[in-house]
Amino acid sequence: MDASENIETAQTVLRLMNAPHGQWPRREDLDPRTVIIRYQDFRDEIHTLRATLICLRQGVATVMVEIRRDGEKSEIPLKLHRISEIIDADTTWPGDSYFTKHLGYRFAWTTGPRDANTASLNIGKGAHAAPR
């Protein structure tokens, strides 16, 4: 492989699209609200969690959702692409649509920092679902 080749382009990354010109996306604090989350872990087991949403932040190759489970003091991170649904009051939101359609955040699959958050994108809130 030629040293000038960009190895990064072989992988896709789920990015939080809220920072201009390839900068690392900033943490997005959420209004604390209690929801029910259905989450698929690395063993493909489904868990139902009652938790308070804390923030969205960029993780390694994915967007992380920080939550606090009922009765616990510490926050735990969940990978956004592993959330199958969020139930808020009487509405069930599939996958990331709670954040994109209900709260207005943008996510996109990119090949990393070099092609994420460029000036040609409409940065900030605005519904844009990440492809699955």
Protein backbone atom coordinates (compact mmCIF):
# COMPACT_ATOMS: atom_id res chain seq x y z
CA MET A 1 0.00 0.00 0.00
CA ASP A 2 1.33 3.44 -0.93
CA ALA A 3 2.04 5.60 2.15
CA SER A 4 0.04 8.43 0.63
CA GLU A 5 -3.16 6.37 0.55
CA ASN A 6 -5.79 7.25 3.11
CA ILE A 7 -6.39 4.11 5.18
CA GLU A 8 -9.25 5.90 6.97
CA THR A 9 -11.52 5.76 3.90
CA ALA A 10 -11.97 1.99 4.25
CA GLN A 11 -14.18 2.41 7.32
CA THR A 12 -17.39 4.31 7.92
CA VAL A 13 -18.03 6.27 11.08
CA LEU A 14 -21.33 7.45 12.54
CA ARG A 15 -20.73 11.14 13.25
CA LEU A 16 -22.62 13.71 15.26
CA MET A 17 -22.85 16.56 12.74
CA ASN A 18 -22.55 19.70 14.88
CA ALA A 19 -19.01 21.03 14.39
CA PRO A 20 -17.69 22.95 11.37
CA HIS A 21 -14.78 22.05 9.11
CA GLY A 22 -13.84 18.61 10.41
CA GLN A 23 -13.43 19.58 14.06
CA TRP A 24 -14.30 17.00 16.72
CA PRO A 25 -18.05 17.24 17.40
CA ARG A 26 -18.96 18.92 20.65
CA ARG A 27 -20.98 17.24 23.39
CA GLU A 28 -24.69 18.01 23.18
CA ASP A 29 -26.33 18.17 26.60
CA LEU A 30 -29.96 17.06 26.49
CA ASP A 31 -32.84 18.26 28.61
CA PRO A 32 -33.00 15.52 31.24
CA ARG A 33 -35.98 13.33 30.49
CA THR A 34 -36.86 9.82 31.53
CA VAL A 35 -37.51 7.37 28.71
CA ILE A 36 -37.61 3.64 28.06
CA ILE A 37 -34.75 2.44 25.83
CA ARG A 38 -34.54 -0.87 24.00
CA TYR A 39 -30.87 -1.62 23.43
CA GLN A 40 -29.07 -4.50 21.71
CA ASP A 41 -25.76 -5.36 23.39
CA PHE A 42 -22.65 -6.88 21.78
CA ARG A 43 -24.08 -10.39 22.38
CA ASP A 44 -27.22 -9.41 20.41
CA GLU A 45 -29.29 -9.56 23.60
CA ILE A 46 -32.08 -6.98 23.89
CA HIS A 47 -32.33 -4.98 27.13
CA THR A 48 -35.11 -2.65 28.22
CA LEU A 49 -33.81 0.23 30.32
CA ARG A 50 -35.67 2.98 32.14
CA ALA A 51 -33.24 5.87 32.13
CA THR A 52 -32.69 9.62 31.99
CA LEU A 53 -31.05 10.94 28.82
CA ILE A 54 -27.99 13.07 29.64
CA CYS A 55 -26.13 13.93 26.42
CA LEU A 56 -24.99 12.95 22.94
CA ARG A 57 -21.26 12.82 22.26
CA GLN A 58 -18.92 11.52 19.62
CA GLY A 59 -17.48 8.09 20.34
CA VAL A 60 -15.03 5.98 18.37
CA ALA A 61 -16.81 5.19 15.09
CA THR A 62 -20.24 5.95 16.52
CA VAL A 63 -22.32 8.49 18.40
CA MET A 64 -22.68 7.75 22.11
CA VAL A 65 -25.82 8.42 24.15
CA GLU A 66 -25.03 9.01 27.82
CA ILE A 67 -27.81 7.85 30.16
CA ARG A 68 -28.39 7.44 33.88
CA ARG A 69 -30.43 4.38 34.80
CA ASP A 70 -33.11 4.83 37.43
CA GLY A 71 -31.67 4.45 40.92
CA GLU A 72 -28.04 4.77 39.82
CA LYS A 73 -25.65 7.70 40.25
CA SER A 74 -23.20 7.13 37.42
CA GLU A 75 -23.76 7.71 33.72
CA ILE A 76 -23.31 4.93 31.21
CA PRO A 77 -22.71 5.27 27.46
CA LEU A 78 -24.80 3.48 24.85
CA LYS A 79 -23.89 3.24 21.16
CA LEU A 80 -26.57 5.01 19.15
CA HIS A 81 -26.62 2.43 16.36
CA ARG A 82 -27.50 -0.28 18.94
CA ILE A 83 -30.62 1.50 20.22
CA SER A 84 -33.63 -0.15 18.59
CA GLU A 85 -36.28 2.17 20.05
CA ILE A 86 -36.99 4.88 22.58
CA ILE A 87 -40.36 5.25 24.26
CA ASP A 88 -41.14 8.79 25.46
CA ALA A 89 -44.57 9.24 27.07
CA ASP A 90 -46.98 7.56 24.63
CA THR A 91 -44.75 7.64 21.54
CA THR A 92 -42.39 4.88 20.39
CA TRP A 93 -39.50 6.14 18.25
CA PRO A 94 -37.56 3.57 16.20
CA GLY A 95 -33.76 3.70 16.27
CA ASP A 96 -32.21 7.14 16.12
CA SER A 97 -35.44 8.87 15.01
CA TYR A 98 -36.07 10.09 18.57
CA PHE A 99 -32.98 12.27 18.22
CA THR A 100 -33.36 13.17 14.52
CA LYS A 101 -37.12 13.65 14.08
CA HIS A 102 -38.18 14.55 17.62
CA LEU A 103 -35.17 16.56 18.87
CA GLY A 104 -33.73 17.66 15.49
CA TYR A 105 -30.12 16.42 15.69
CA ARG A 106 -28.16 15.38 12.62
CA PHE A 107 -26.05 12.25 12.18
CA ALA A 108 -24.26 10.95 9.11
CA TRP A 109 -22.07 8.05 8.09
CA THR A 110 -18.65 9.36 7.06
CA THR A 111 -15.18 7.97 6.56
CA GLY A 112 -13.87 9.93 9.52
CA PRO A 113 -12.81 13.47 10.39
CA ARG A 114 -11.56 14.39 6.93
CA ASP A 115 -14.99 14.19 5.28
CA ALA A 116 -17.20 14.98 8.29
CA ASN A 117 -18.70 18.35 9.07
CA THR A 118 -17.49 20.20 6.00
CA ALA A 119 -18.53 23.73 5.11
CA SER A 120 -20.95 22.41 2.48
CA LEU A 121 -23.11 20.76 5.14
CA ASN A 122 -25.93 22.52 6.94
CA ILE A 123 -24.43 22.22 10.42
CA GLY A 124 -26.57 22.22 13.56
CA LYS A 125 -30.01 20.98 14.37
CA GLY A 126 -32.06 19.74 11.44
CA ALA A 127 -33.47 16.26 10.95
CA HIS A 128 -31.20 13.92 8.99
CA ALA A 129 -31.34 10.22 9.77
CA ALA A 130 -28.24 8.13 9.44
CA PRO A 131 -28.55 5.28 6.96
CA ARG A 132 -28.84 1.81 8.44
